Amino acid sequence: MKKGKKFWLNVFIFILTLFLVACNDGSFDSTASDASATDGEPAEGGDLIVGGLSGPTVFNSLYSTSSTDSTIQDFMFNGLVEMDENVEPQPDLAENWEQSEDGLAWTFNLRDDVTWHDGESFTADDVVFTYSLPIDEDYIGPRGSSFEKFEEVVKIDDYTVEIHLSDPAPDMLADAMGYHVLPEHILGDLPVEEVGTHEFNTKEPIGTGPYKFDEWKQGQYVRVVANEDYFEGRPYIDSITYKIVPDKNSLLAQFTAGDLDHLSLTTEDIPSGEGLVEDGAAIMESIESASYSFMLYNLEHPALKEKEVRHALAHGLDRNTVIDTVLDGNGNVLDIPAVPFMPAYNEDPPVFEYDPEKAKEILDEAGWEVGADGVREKNGERLSFSIISNQGNSVREKIMLIAKQQWEEELGAEVSTEIIESSAFSDQVHRHEFDIAMRGWSISLDPGISSAFATEQIENGTNYGFYSNPEVDRLREESDLEPDPEKRYELIEEAQAIIAEDQPYLFLYNSDAYTLYNPKLQGHIMHPKAEFYRVHEWWFAQD
C-alpha cells in the first residue's frame, strides 16, 4: 500500500552555502509508546546491551560503509560537526566555524579540552591529517567523493584549521565534517595506502568519543567502556555491549528474555513489540528514517546490462504486495533514490507499476524469446541470474523469494537465490561479485545525488553495480556547486528522474524505523540517522 507523502520535515533551507538547517516545526515526528518520560535524576552505572544481526568490519569511518560499523564507531569517535535530531548542525570537536563570502574557505575553531583515549591531546594536527587522507592520491577507500572539493586542509594554530575548497560545497557540514577525526600521533607516519589496513582499525582503535574500545570477540560481541575523561562529561552508563545475534527471531527472543536492552525492530516484529509494550516490558518508538531498500543490479551481467530487461523486471515485481504482505503496510513504494521528507524529491519520475503483461511485451520486443523449457533466451544467452542477500534479514529473504516466484512464473526468467553470512555478503558486493543483491542505503541528510551513482566511484567507491550515465554525472557535479537552494533542488530532481528511468536499482520502499528498548533506559532520543544519538547522556533508572 503506497502511503501519501509525509511532511514531517517539510523543507530544508540552505542560507547560501553556510549550513543546512531544518525548518517547518524544526523536528521529525516520532512516536513513543509512553512518551519516553524520564524517571528521577541521571545515575551512573549499568551495561547497555544492544543487539544487531551482523558484526563490524572496521572501526574507521573513512574506510567503511556498513551501518554496523558506523554505529560502533560513533561510540568511540567524533567528527567536527554533528547533525542533531532536528537536522541542524551542532558543534562536536569544533566549537564554531565560519565561511568565506565566496564559499571557498571554511575556518573551524576547535575545542582545546579534548584528549584521545590514550591521554594524548587532540589538536589541529589530527584534523589536518584526517581530512587530508581522502584527498591524497594514494587513498584507497570508499569515501573520497565526500571530499572531492577539498584542495587543502591547513593548520592555522593548534586549535584552528582552515579548509580550502575548489568550489562551494552546500553539503559541507552535513557530509564531510561528520567523518570521524583520527589520531595523527598513531597513524600519521604510515604511508597513506596502508592506513586502511592498519591494526588500529580492527584491534586498537583510539578515539575521542564517549566510550573506549575494550574487546571485540568475533561473531559474538563488541564491548566499549565509559571514557572517564570525555570532554562533555563521563557517560552515565558504564559500558555498551554490542551483541551479535545473526538470527532476527533470536534477537527478539533475547530482548523478551531480558538479555538485550535495545534493538531495532523489523516491521514483521512490530506486533510482538506492541505486545511487550502492553505488558510494560518495553518502550517502542518510531521515526521516518533516512533510508531506503532496493535490489542492486550488476550492470556487467549479460542480461541485466540491458535497460529493457531492468524495466521488465520492475514491471514484473508487485511492490505493493511486498509492502502489504512482508512489511504489513509499513512502507512507501519508492521510485527514486530519495525519501519523501527531503526538499529535493521528484514527485513525477518514471514509474514502473506492476504490469506483468507489459513486462512480457518489453522482453518480447527486446528479443528475449521463450525457450522450450519456459526460460527466455537471446542470442544463446538465457535470462538467468541469481539474487543474494545477507543472513538474518528475513524481510529481504521474503522479498527475494517473491521476486523469484513472480519473475519465473510471469516473465520466463530463471532465478536462483542465496543467503550469505553478513560480512561475506558485504565483501562480495564490494568486489562486484553478484548478479542482483538485496541492499539498503542509510542516506545523507543532505539531498544531493549520492556518489553511489557516480561513474568515478566504480573502481574504489560505493558504485558497486557499474552504473554510469554522463548526464547524471554532470547534474550531480552542477548541483553540488549550485548555491541557490531551489535551483539546486531542480538539478537534483532532474538527476533523480534519469536514474529512475535507467533503473540501476530496482527501488523498493522506504519505511519508518522502529526501536524497542528497556523501560528503565532514560534519555533516549530518536534521530533520523543516528540510532544511538548522544548515548553518553542515556542512563538507567534506579529501582
Protein backbone atom coordinates (compact mmCIF):
# COMPACT_ATOMS: atom_id res chain seq x y z
CA MET A 1 0.00 0.00 0.00
CA LYS A 2 1.56 3.23 -1.10
CA LYS A 3 1.19 5.85 1.58
CA GLY A 4 0.82 9.55 0.89
CA LYS A 5 3.94 11.63 1.04
CA LYS A 6 4.75 12.56 4.62
CA PHE A 7 5.83 16.06 5.51
CA TRP A 8 7.23 15.50 8.97
CA LEU A 9 10.14 17.55 7.85
CA ASN A 10 8.84 19.81 5.12
CA VAL A 11 11.67 22.00 3.95
CA PHE A 12 15.41 22.21 4.26
CA ILE A 13 16.84 25.71 3.82
CA PHE A 14 20.39 26.49 2.78
CA ILE A 15 21.29 30.07 3.66
CA LEU A 16 23.65 30.47 0.71
CA THR A 17 26.11 27.69 1.48
CA LEU A 18 26.60 28.45 5.13
CA PHE A 19 24.84 25.47 6.61
CA LEU A 20 21.95 23.09 6.43
CA VAL A 21 19.02 23.62 8.74
CA ALA A 22 15.61 22.10 9.17
CA CYS A 23 12.56 24.30 9.11
CA ASN A 24 8.77 23.93 9.48
CA ASP A 25 8.40 22.89 13.14
CA GLY A 26 12.11 22.09 13.34
CA SER A 27 11.77 18.40 14.03
CA PHE A 28 10.99 14.98 12.73
CA ASP A 29 7.80 13.50 14.14
CA SER A 30 8.41 10.40 16.16
CA THR A 31 6.04 8.25 18.11
CA ALA A 32 6.75 6.74 21.50
CA SER A 33 4.81 4.13 23.38
CA ASP A 34 4.98 6.03 26.67
CA ALA A 35 6.38 9.39 25.59
CA SER A 36 9.80 8.30 26.90
CA ALA A 37 9.33 10.15 30.16
CA THR A 38 12.41 10.27 32.33
CA ASP A 39 12.37 8.99 35.87
CA GLY A 40 14.42 10.79 38.50
CA GLU A 41 17.94 12.14 38.23
CA PRO A 42 20.55 10.61 35.92
CA ALA A 43 22.63 7.96 37.64
CA GLU A 44 25.87 6.26 36.70
CA GLY A 45 26.12 2.52 36.22
CA GLY A 46 24.98 -0.41 34.15
CA ASP A 47 25.85 -2.16 30.93
CA LEU A 48 23.73 -1.27 27.91
CA ILE A 49 23.37 -4.44 25.86
CA VAL A 50 22.25 -3.79 22.30
CA GLY A 51 21.51 -6.37 19.65
CA GLY A 52 22.44 -6.46 15.98
CA LEU A 53 22.30 -9.02 13.19
CA SER A 54 25.85 -8.55 11.94
CA GLY A 55 29.25 -7.70 13.32
CA PRO A 56 31.55 -4.83 12.36
CA THR A 57 34.31 -4.93 9.78
CA VAL A 58 36.44 -1.88 10.58
CA PHE A 59 36.50 0.94 13.15
CA ASN A 60 37.33 3.80 10.80
CA SER A 61 34.67 5.91 9.08
CA LEU A 62 36.91 6.75 6.11
CA TYR A 63 37.18 3.07 5.21
CA SER A 64 33.75 1.60 5.94
CA THR A 65 30.23 1.66 4.52
CA SER A 66 28.46 -0.71 6.92
CA SER A 67 25.74 0.66 9.22
CA THR A 68 27.01 -1.64 11.97
CA ASP A 69 30.48 -0.14 11.59
CA SER A 70 29.02 3.37 11.84
CA THR A 71 27.05 2.51 14.97
CA ILE A 72 30.06 1.21 16.86
CA GLN A 73 32.39 3.91 15.52
CA ASP A 74 30.03 6.57 16.86
CA PHE A 75 30.55 5.22 20.38
CA MET A 76 34.31 5.85 20.12
CA PHE A 77 34.91 8.76 17.75
CA ASN A 78 33.80 12.31 16.95
CA GLY A 79 33.66 14.48 13.87
CA LEU A 80 33.98 18.24 13.81
CA VAL A 81 30.22 18.71 13.43
CA GLU A 82 27.20 16.56 14.17
CA MET A 83 23.64 16.87 12.88
CA ASP A 84 21.10 16.89 15.68
CA GLU A 85 17.67 15.27 15.78
CA ASN A 86 16.21 18.32 14.01
CA VAL A 87 18.82 18.05 11.24
CA GLU A 88 20.63 21.19 12.37
CA PRO A 89 24.45 21.30 12.53
CA GLN A 90 25.85 21.34 16.06
CA PRO A 91 29.43 21.65 17.38
CA ASP A 92 31.27 18.44 18.09
CA LEU A 93 35.08 18.68 18.09
CA ALA A 94 34.71 22.13 16.53
CA GLU A 95 33.41 24.85 18.82
CA ASN A 96 32.31 27.04 15.93
CA TRP A 97 33.02 27.79 12.28
CA GLU A 98 32.72 30.44 9.63
CA GLN A 99 32.71 30.51 5.86
CA SER A 100 34.26 32.98 3.46
CA GLU A 101 31.99 35.09 1.28
CA ASP A 102 32.92 33.15 -1.85
CA GLY A 103 32.27 29.82 -0.13
CA LEU A 104 35.77 28.55 -0.86
CA ALA A 105 37.23 28.63 2.66
CA TRP A 106 35.92 27.35 5.97
CA THR A 107 37.58 28.13 9.28
CA PHE A 108 36.97 25.78 12.22
CA ASN A 109 37.85 26.71 15.78
CA LEU A 110 38.50 23.53 17.74
CA ARG A 111 37.88 22.57 21.33
CA ASP A 112 41.03 22.76 23.46
CA ASP A 113 39.84 20.40 26.20
CA VAL A 114 39.76 17.10 24.29
CA THR A 115 42.09 14.15 24.80
CA TRP A 116 42.46 10.91 22.92
CA HIS A 117 41.68 7.68 24.74
CA ASP A 118 45.43 7.14 25.26
CA GLY A 119 45.78 10.52 27.00
CA GLU A 120 47.32 12.50 24.14
CA SER A 121 45.86 15.92 23.39
CA PHE A 122 43.60 16.45 20.40
CA THR A 123 44.87 19.29 18.18
CA ALA A 124 44.63 20.75 14.70
CA ASP A 125 47.30 18.24 13.59
CA ASP A 126 44.72 15.47 13.91
CA VAL A 127 42.18 17.34 11.78
CA VAL A 128 44.70 18.19 9.09
CA PHE A 129 45.87 14.57 8.98
CA THR A 130 42.36 13.09 8.85
CA TYR A 131 40.79 15.29 6.20
CA SER A 132 43.92 15.22 4.05
CA LEU A 133 43.73 11.44 3.78
CA PRO A 134 40.78 11.11 1.35
CA ILE A 135 42.22 13.77 -0.98
CA ASP A 136 45.59 12.05 -1.19
CA GLU A 137 46.23 10.25 -4.48
CA ASP A 138 47.23 7.13 -2.55
CA TYR A 139 43.99 6.96 -0.52
CA ILE A 140 42.24 3.63 -1.03
CA GLY A 141 38.75 3.84 0.41
CA PRO A 142 35.07 4.44 -0.38
CA ARG A 143 34.68 7.99 0.99
CA GLY A 144 36.65 10.12 -1.46
CA SER A 145 33.54 11.64 -3.03
CA SER A 146 32.66 13.46 0.20
CA PHE A 147 35.96 15.33 -0.05
CA GLU A 148 36.25 15.82 -3.80
CA LYS A 149 36.11 19.63 -3.49
CA PHE A 150 38.82 19.76 -0.83
CA GLU A 151 42.04 21.33 -2.07
CA GLU A 152 43.92 21.73 1.17
CA VAL A 153 43.48 21.44 4.93
CA VAL A 154 45.67 23.99 6.71
CA LYS A 155 46.70 24.33 10.33
CA ILE A 156 46.43 27.96 11.45
CA ASP A 157 47.38 27.24 15.05
CA ASP A 158 46.98 24.34 17.48
CA TYR A 159 43.21 24.81 17.66
CA THR A 160 42.29 26.39 14.35
CA VAL A 161 42.12 24.81 10.90
CA GLU A 162 41.15 26.21 7.53
CA ILE A 163 39.77 24.10 4.69
CA HIS A 164 40.22 25.39 1.16
CA LEU A 165 37.77 24.21 -1.50
CA SER A 166 37.88 24.22 -5.27
CA ASP A 167 34.16 25.05 -5.39
CA PRO A 168 31.46 25.87 -2.85
CA ALA A 169 30.09 22.84 -1.00
CA PRO A 170 26.47 23.26 0.17
CA ASP A 171 26.60 19.90 1.94
CA MET A 172 29.88 20.60 3.78
CA LEU A 173 28.57 20.41 7.34
CA ALA A 174 26.03 17.63 6.75
CA ASP A 175 28.53 15.40 4.99
CA ALA A 176 32.32 15.74 5.20
CA MET A 177 32.50 17.29 8.66
CA GLY A 178 30.73 14.32 10.21
CA TYR A 179 33.51 11.87 9.37
CA HIS A 180 35.45 10.95 12.47
CA VAL A 181 38.77 12.58 13.25
CA LEU A 182 41.68 10.14 13.54
CA PRO A 183 44.80 10.35 15.77
CA GLU A 184 47.76 11.75 13.86
CA HIS A 185 50.18 10.62 16.55
CA ILE A 186 49.26 6.97 15.86
CA LEU A 187 48.61 6.87 12.11
CA GLY A 188 50.45 9.92 10.81
CA ASP A 189 53.73 8.19 9.97
CA LEU A 190 52.10 5.46 7.89
CA PRO A 191 52.06 5.56 4.09
CA VAL A 192 48.56 6.67 3.10
CA GLU A 193 47.86 3.42 1.26
CA GLU A 194 48.47 1.46 4.49
CA VAL A 195 46.21 3.44 6.83
CA GLY A 196 43.09 1.47 5.92
CA THR A 197 44.68 -1.88 6.74
CA HIS A 198 46.47 -0.93 9.95
CA GLU A 199 45.56 -2.88 13.10
CA PHE A 200 44.28 0.37 14.59
CA ASN A 201 41.13 -0.21 12.54
CA THR A 202 40.32 -3.61 13.99
CA LYS A 203 42.32 -4.24 17.17
CA GLU A 204 43.35 -0.97 18.78
CA PRO A 205 41.02 1.90 17.87
CA ILE A 206 41.79 5.09 19.79
CA GLY A 207 39.22 7.86 19.57
CA THR A 208 38.00 10.94 21.39
CA GLY A 209 34.46 9.68 21.90
CA PRO A 210 32.38 8.94 25.00
CA TYR A 211 33.35 5.27 25.03
CA LYS A 212 36.69 3.50 24.73
CA PHE A 213 37.30 0.21 22.94
CA ASP A 214 37.52 -2.75 25.29
CA GLU A 215 37.05 -6.02 23.40
CA TRP A 216 35.88 -7.45 20.09
CA LYS A 217 35.08 -11.15 20.19
CA GLN A 218 34.49 -12.13 16.56
CA GLY A 219 30.95 -13.26 15.85
CA GLN A 220 29.84 -12.61 19.44
CA TYR A 221 30.14 -9.04 20.67
CA VAL A 222 32.00 -5.73 20.78
CA ARG A 223 32.33 -4.01 24.14
CA VAL A 224 33.20 -0.39 24.84
CA VAL A 225 33.63 1.21 28.26
CA ALA A 226 32.97 4.73 29.56
CA ASN A 227 35.60 7.36 28.83
CA GLU A 228 36.20 8.95 32.23
CA ASP A 229 37.78 11.98 30.55
CA TYR A 230 35.18 12.63 27.86
CA PHE A 231 35.02 16.34 27.11
CA GLU A 232 31.25 16.52 27.63
CA GLY A 233 31.48 14.58 30.89
CA ARG A 234 31.68 10.93 31.78
CA PRO A 235 28.86 8.86 30.24
CA TYR A 236 26.28 7.72 32.76
CA ILE A 237 26.26 4.14 31.50
CA ASP A 238 29.44 2.23 32.37
CA SER A 239 29.70 0.13 29.22
CA ILE A 240 27.95 -0.79 26.00
CA THR A 241 27.99 -4.31 24.65
CA TYR A 242 27.02 -4.68 21.01
CA LYS A 243 25.85 -8.29 20.87
CA ILE A 244 25.89 -10.03 17.51
CA VAL A 245 22.82 -12.23 17.00
CA PRO A 246 22.64 -13.35 13.35
CA ASP A 247 19.03 -14.56 13.60
CA LYS A 248 16.26 -11.97 13.80
CA ASN A 249 13.92 -14.22 15.76
CA SER A 250 16.62 -14.86 18.32
CA LEU A 251 17.15 -11.10 18.69
CA LEU A 252 13.55 -10.54 19.72
CA ALA A 253 13.56 -13.60 21.93
CA GLN A 254 16.64 -12.34 23.75
CA PHE A 255 15.02 -8.94 24.27
CA THR A 256 11.89 -10.62 25.62
CA ALA A 257 14.02 -12.66 28.00
CA GLY A 258 15.74 -9.52 29.28
CA ASP A 259 19.09 -10.30 27.69
CA LEU A 260 19.03 -7.17 25.49
CA ASP A 261 18.18 -3.57 26.34
CA HIS A 262 17.86 -2.09 22.88
CA LEU A 263 17.22 -3.26 19.33
CA SER A 264 15.87 -2.10 16.00
CA LEU A 265 12.63 -3.82 15.07
CA THR A 266 11.77 -5.10 11.64
CA THR A 267 8.23 -4.43 10.51
CA GLU A 268 7.37 -8.10 10.99
CA ASP A 269 8.10 -7.78 14.69
CA ILE A 270 6.08 -4.63 15.38
CA PRO A 271 3.07 -6.64 16.71
CA SER A 272 5.38 -8.50 19.08
CA GLY A 273 6.87 -5.19 20.17
CA GLU A 274 3.41 -3.79 20.80
CA GLY A 275 2.67 -6.81 22.97
CA LEU A 276 5.78 -6.16 25.06
CA VAL A 277 4.74 -2.52 25.43
CA GLU A 278 1.28 -3.56 26.63
CA ASP A 279 2.92 -5.80 29.22
CA GLY A 280 5.10 -2.94 30.43
CA ALA A 281 8.24 -4.77 29.30
CA ALA A 282 9.37 -2.30 26.63
CA ILE A 283 9.12 1.17 25.14
CA MET A 284 8.72 1.36 21.38
CA GLU A 285 9.41 4.48 19.31
CA SER A 286 9.34 5.17 15.58
CA ILE A 287 10.52 7.85 13.19
CA GLU A 288 10.57 8.19 9.42
CA SER A 289 14.03 7.04 8.52
CA ALA A 290 16.58 8.45 6.10
CA SER A 291 16.97 5.11 4.38
CA TYR A 292 15.54 3.00 1.60
CA SER A 293 15.69 -0.56 0.31
CA PHE A 294 16.40 -1.72 -3.22
CA MET A 295 17.66 -4.52 -5.43
CA LEU A 296 21.10 -3.69 -6.81
CA TYR A 297 21.84 -4.80 -10.37
CA ASN A 298 25.28 -5.69 -11.64
CA LEU A 299 25.22 -3.92 -14.98
CA GLU A 300 28.01 -6.09 -16.35
CA HIS A 301 25.69 -9.10 -16.29
CA PRO A 302 24.88 -10.03 -19.93
CA ALA A 303 21.11 -9.69 -19.44
CA LEU A 304 20.89 -7.10 -16.67
CA LYS A 305 23.04 -4.64 -18.59
CA GLU A 306 20.04 -4.14 -20.90
CA LYS A 307 17.75 -1.38 -19.67
CA GLU A 308 14.78 -3.15 -21.26
CA VAL A 309 15.37 -6.18 -19.05
CA ARG A 310 15.55 -3.98 -15.95
CA HIS A 311 12.33 -2.23 -16.96
CA ALA A 312 10.64 -5.59 -17.40
CA LEU A 313 11.81 -6.82 -14.00
CA ALA A 314 10.48 -3.62 -12.40
CA HIS A 315 7.08 -4.12 -14.05
CA GLY A 316 7.21 -7.77 -13.03
CA LEU A 317 7.54 -7.24 -9.29
CA ASP A 318 4.43 -6.30 -7.29
CA ARG A 319 5.95 -3.90 -4.78
CA ASN A 320 2.59 -3.01 -3.27
CA THR A 321 2.07 -6.66 -2.40
CA VAL A 322 5.58 -6.75 -0.94
CA ILE A 323 4.74 -3.82 1.35
CA ASP A 324 1.34 -5.22 2.34
CA THR A 325 2.44 -8.80 2.98
CA VAL A 326 6.06 -8.53 4.09
CA LEU A 327 6.00 -5.11 5.77
CA ASP A 328 2.40 -5.24 6.98
CA GLY A 329 1.75 -1.97 5.17
CA ASN A 330 4.59 -0.08 6.86
CA GLY A 331 6.26 1.40 3.83
CA ASN A 332 6.06 3.66 0.79
CA VAL A 333 6.75 2.39 -2.71
CA LEU A 334 9.84 4.22 -3.86
CA ASP A 335 10.82 5.12 -7.42
CA ILE A 336 13.86 7.35 -6.89
CA PRO A 337 16.98 7.41 -4.66
CA ALA A 338 15.50 9.77 -2.07
CA VAL A 339 12.95 9.72 0.72
CA PRO A 340 9.75 11.80 0.80
CA PHE A 341 10.68 14.26 3.54
CA MET A 342 13.66 15.59 1.62
CA PRO A 343 13.38 19.00 -0.07
CA ALA A 344 14.63 17.61 -3.38
CA TYR A 345 12.17 14.82 -4.09
CA ASN A 346 10.90 14.33 -7.64
CA GLU A 347 7.18 13.59 -7.37
CA ASP A 348 6.73 12.77 -11.05
CA PRO A 349 9.56 10.44 -12.10
CA PRO A 350 9.24 7.50 -14.48
CA VAL A 351 7.17 4.90 -12.64
CA PHE A 352 7.13 1.15 -13.21
CA GLU A 353 3.80 -0.12 -11.93
CA TYR A 354 3.20 -3.82 -11.55
CA ASP A 355 2.15 -4.98 -15.02
CA PRO A 356 3.44 -8.44 -15.97
CA GLU A 357 1.82 -8.26 -19.41
CA LYS A 358 3.72 -5.09 -20.21
CA ALA A 359 6.87 -6.70 -18.83
CA LYS A 360 6.46 -9.61 -21.23
CA GLU A 361 5.89 -7.23 -24.15
CA ILE A 362 9.10 -5.38 -23.30
CA LEU A 363 11.08 -8.62 -23.24
CA ASP A 364 9.50 -9.81 -26.49
CA GLU A 365 10.36 -6.54 -28.25
CA ALA A 366 13.91 -6.71 -26.89
CA GLY A 367 14.40 -10.11 -28.49
CA TRP A 368 14.12 -12.31 -25.41
CA GLU A 369 12.15 -15.32 -26.68
CA VAL A 370 10.66 -18.06 -24.52
CA GLY A 371 12.62 -21.29 -24.93
CA ALA A 372 11.44 -24.88 -24.86
CA ASP A 373 11.85 -25.10 -21.08
CA GLY A 374 9.99 -21.85 -20.48
CA VAL A 375 13.12 -19.75 -19.88
CA ARG A 376 13.70 -16.82 -22.19
CA GLU A 377 16.79 -16.70 -24.39
CA LYS A 378 18.51 -14.19 -26.65
CA ASN A 379 21.47 -14.91 -28.89
CA GLY A 380 22.19 -18.08 -26.92
CA GLU A 381 22.07 -16.28 -23.56
CA ARG A 382 19.46 -17.41 -21.05
CA LEU A 383 17.54 -14.87 -18.94
CA SER A 384 19.15 -16.35 -15.86
CA PHE A 385 20.56 -14.67 -12.76
CA SER A 386 20.98 -15.08 -9.03
CA ILE A 387 19.82 -12.91 -6.13
CA ILE A 388 21.89 -12.77 -2.95
CA SER A 389 21.03 -11.44 0.48
CA ASN A 390 22.68 -11.26 3.89
CA GLN A 391 21.99 -13.81 6.58
CA GLY A 392 19.47 -12.95 9.27
CA ASN A 393 17.40 -10.43 7.32
CA SER A 394 14.09 -12.21 6.89
CA VAL A 395 12.43 -9.22 5.20
CA ARG A 396 14.98 -9.28 2.40
CA GLU A 397 14.73 -13.04 2.18
CA LYS A 398 10.96 -12.89 1.71
CA ILE A 399 11.18 -10.15 -0.91
CA MET A 400 13.83 -12.14 -2.74
CA LEU A 401 11.56 -15.19 -2.85
CA ILE A 402 8.58 -13.14 -4.05
CA ALA A 403 10.72 -11.72 -6.86
CA LYS A 404 11.92 -15.19 -7.80
CA GLN A 405 8.39 -16.53 -7.95
CA GLN A 406 6.91 -13.64 -9.94
CA TRP A 407 9.81 -13.36 -12.37
CA GLU A 408 9.91 -17.09 -13.06
CA GLU A 409 6.14 -17.67 -13.32
CA GLU A 410 5.22 -14.46 -15.13
CA LEU A 411 8.26 -13.41 -17.14
CA GLY A 412 10.11 -16.61 -18.02
CA ALA A 413 13.28 -15.84 -16.07
CA GLU A 414 15.47 -18.39 -14.35
CA VAL A 415 16.26 -17.17 -10.84
CA SER A 416 18.36 -18.66 -8.06
CA THR A 417 18.69 -17.28 -4.54
CA GLU A 418 21.42 -17.46 -1.93
CA ILE A 419 21.74 -16.35 1.69
CA ILE A 420 25.28 -15.33 2.65
CA GLU A 421 26.87 -14.56 6.02
CA SER A 422 26.75 -10.79 6.51
CA SER A 423 30.46 -9.94 6.35
CA ALA A 424 31.00 -12.24 3.37
CA PHE A 425 27.94 -10.71 1.69
CA SER A 426 29.38 -7.20 2.06
CA ASP A 427 32.75 -8.31 0.74
CA GLN A 428 31.11 -9.99 -2.26
CA VAL A 429 29.10 -6.87 -3.12
CA HIS A 430 32.16 -4.63 -2.75
CA ARG A 431 34.05 -6.90 -5.16
CA HIS A 432 31.14 -6.65 -7.66
CA GLU A 433 30.69 -10.44 -7.46
CA PHE A 434 26.91 -10.72 -7.77
CA ASP A 435 24.06 -10.52 -10.27
CA ILE A 436 21.41 -8.92 -8.05
CA ALA A 437 21.94 -8.06 -4.38
CA MET A 438 19.35 -7.14 -1.78
CA ARG A 439 20.53 -3.85 -0.36
CA GLY A 440 19.60 -0.76 1.60
CA TRP A 441 21.13 2.68 1.98
CA SER A 442 21.13 4.93 5.01
CA ILE A 443 21.43 8.18 3.14
CA SER A 444 22.85 11.62 3.87
CA LEU A 445 20.56 14.23 5.36
CA ASP A 446 21.71 16.48 2.54
CA PRO A 447 19.51 15.79 -0.54
CA GLY A 448 22.39 15.69 -3.06
CA ILE A 449 22.80 12.82 -5.53
CA SER A 450 24.71 10.01 -3.86
CA SER A 451 28.19 9.09 -5.01
CA ALA A 452 26.80 5.57 -5.45
CA PHE A 453 25.60 6.78 -8.88
CA ALA A 454 28.86 8.48 -9.87
CA THR A 455 30.99 6.90 -12.58
CA GLU A 456 34.16 7.82 -10.71
CA GLN A 457 33.02 5.70 -7.76
CA ILE A 458 33.02 2.39 -9.64
CA GLU A 459 36.63 1.42 -9.03
CA ASN A 460 37.17 2.29 -5.36
CA GLY A 461 33.88 3.74 -4.19
CA THR A 462 30.27 2.85 -3.48
CA ASN A 463 29.09 2.36 -7.07
CA TYR A 464 29.02 -1.41 -6.82
CA GLY A 465 26.78 -2.06 -9.83
CA PHE A 466 28.89 -0.36 -12.55
CA TYR A 467 26.25 2.29 -13.26
CA SER A 468 27.46 5.12 -15.50
CA ASN A 469 25.49 7.94 -17.09
CA PRO A 470 27.38 11.10 -18.15
CA GLU A 471 24.24 13.22 -17.72
CA VAL A 472 23.82 12.09 -14.12
CA ASP A 473 27.50 12.82 -13.51
CA ARG A 474 27.03 16.32 -14.95
CA LEU A 475 23.89 17.06 -12.92
CA ARG A 476 25.49 15.72 -9.77
CA GLU A 477 28.50 17.98 -10.25
CA GLU A 478 26.41 21.04 -11.12
CA SER A 479 24.01 20.55 -8.22
CA ASP A 480 26.92 20.20 -5.81
CA LEU A 481 28.18 23.62 -6.97
CA GLU A 482 24.86 25.45 -7.10
CA PRO A 483 24.48 27.90 -4.17
CA ASP A 484 20.81 28.69 -4.79
CA PRO A 485 18.71 26.06 -2.96
CA GLU A 486 15.77 25.99 -5.38
CA LYS A 487 17.99 25.74 -8.46
CA ARG A 488 19.99 23.04 -6.75
CA TYR A 489 16.87 21.04 -5.95
CA GLU A 490 15.75 21.26 -9.58
CA LEU A 491 19.05 19.80 -10.77
CA ILE A 492 18.86 17.03 -8.20
CA GLU A 493 15.30 16.14 -9.16
CA GLU A 494 16.28 16.05 -12.84
CA ALA A 495 19.00 13.55 -11.99
CA GLN A 496 16.55 11.53 -9.88
CA ALA A 497 14.26 11.17 -12.91
CA ILE A 498 17.12 9.95 -15.11
CA ILE A 499 18.18 7.41 -12.51
CA ALA A 500 14.58 6.21 -12.22
CA GLU A 501 14.46 5.71 -15.99
CA ASP A 502 17.83 3.94 -16.07
CA GLN A 503 16.88 1.61 -13.21
CA PRO A 504 20.38 0.72 -11.94
CA TYR A 505 18.44 -0.26 -8.83
CA LEU A 506 15.01 -1.76 -8.59
CA PHE A 507 13.80 0.73 -5.98
CA LEU A 508 11.59 -0.95 -3.40
CA TYR A 509 10.47 1.15 -0.44
CA ASN A 510 11.29 3.34 2.48
CA SER A 511 9.64 2.89 5.86
CA ASP A 512 9.57 4.07 9.43
CA ALA A 513 12.34 2.93 11.78
CA TYR A 514 11.16 1.27 14.98
CA THR A 515 13.24 0.97 18.14
CA LEU A 516 12.42 -1.21 21.13
CA TYR A 517 14.17 -0.61 24.43
CA ASN A 518 14.20 -1.35 28.13
CA PRO A 519 11.70 0.85 30.05
CA LYS A 520 14.44 1.64 32.58
CA LEU A 521 16.54 3.25 29.86
CA GLN A 522 16.24 7.03 30.11
CA GLY A 523 17.34 9.95 27.92
CA HIS A 524 16.75 8.13 24.65
CA ILE A 525 16.34 10.41 21.61
CA MET A 526 15.06 9.27 18.22
CA HIS A 527 17.15 10.52 15.29
CA PRO A 528 16.54 10.02 11.54
CA LYS A 529 20.03 8.52 11.10
CA ALA A 530 21.90 8.06 14.38
CA GLU A 531 20.43 5.15 16.33
CA PHE A 532 22.41 5.99 19.48
CA TYR A 533 22.32 9.77 19.31
CA ARG A 534 24.02 11.32 22.38
CA VAL A 535 24.25 7.93 24.05
CA HIS A 536 26.57 9.38 26.70
CA GLU A 537 23.52 11.17 28.12
CA TRP A 538 21.43 7.99 28.45
CA TRP A 539 21.09 6.28 31.82
CA PHE A 540 19.25 3.52 33.61
CA ALA A 541 16.57 4.46 36.14
CA GLN A 542 17.29 3.05 39.56
CA ASP A 543 14.94 0.62 41.27
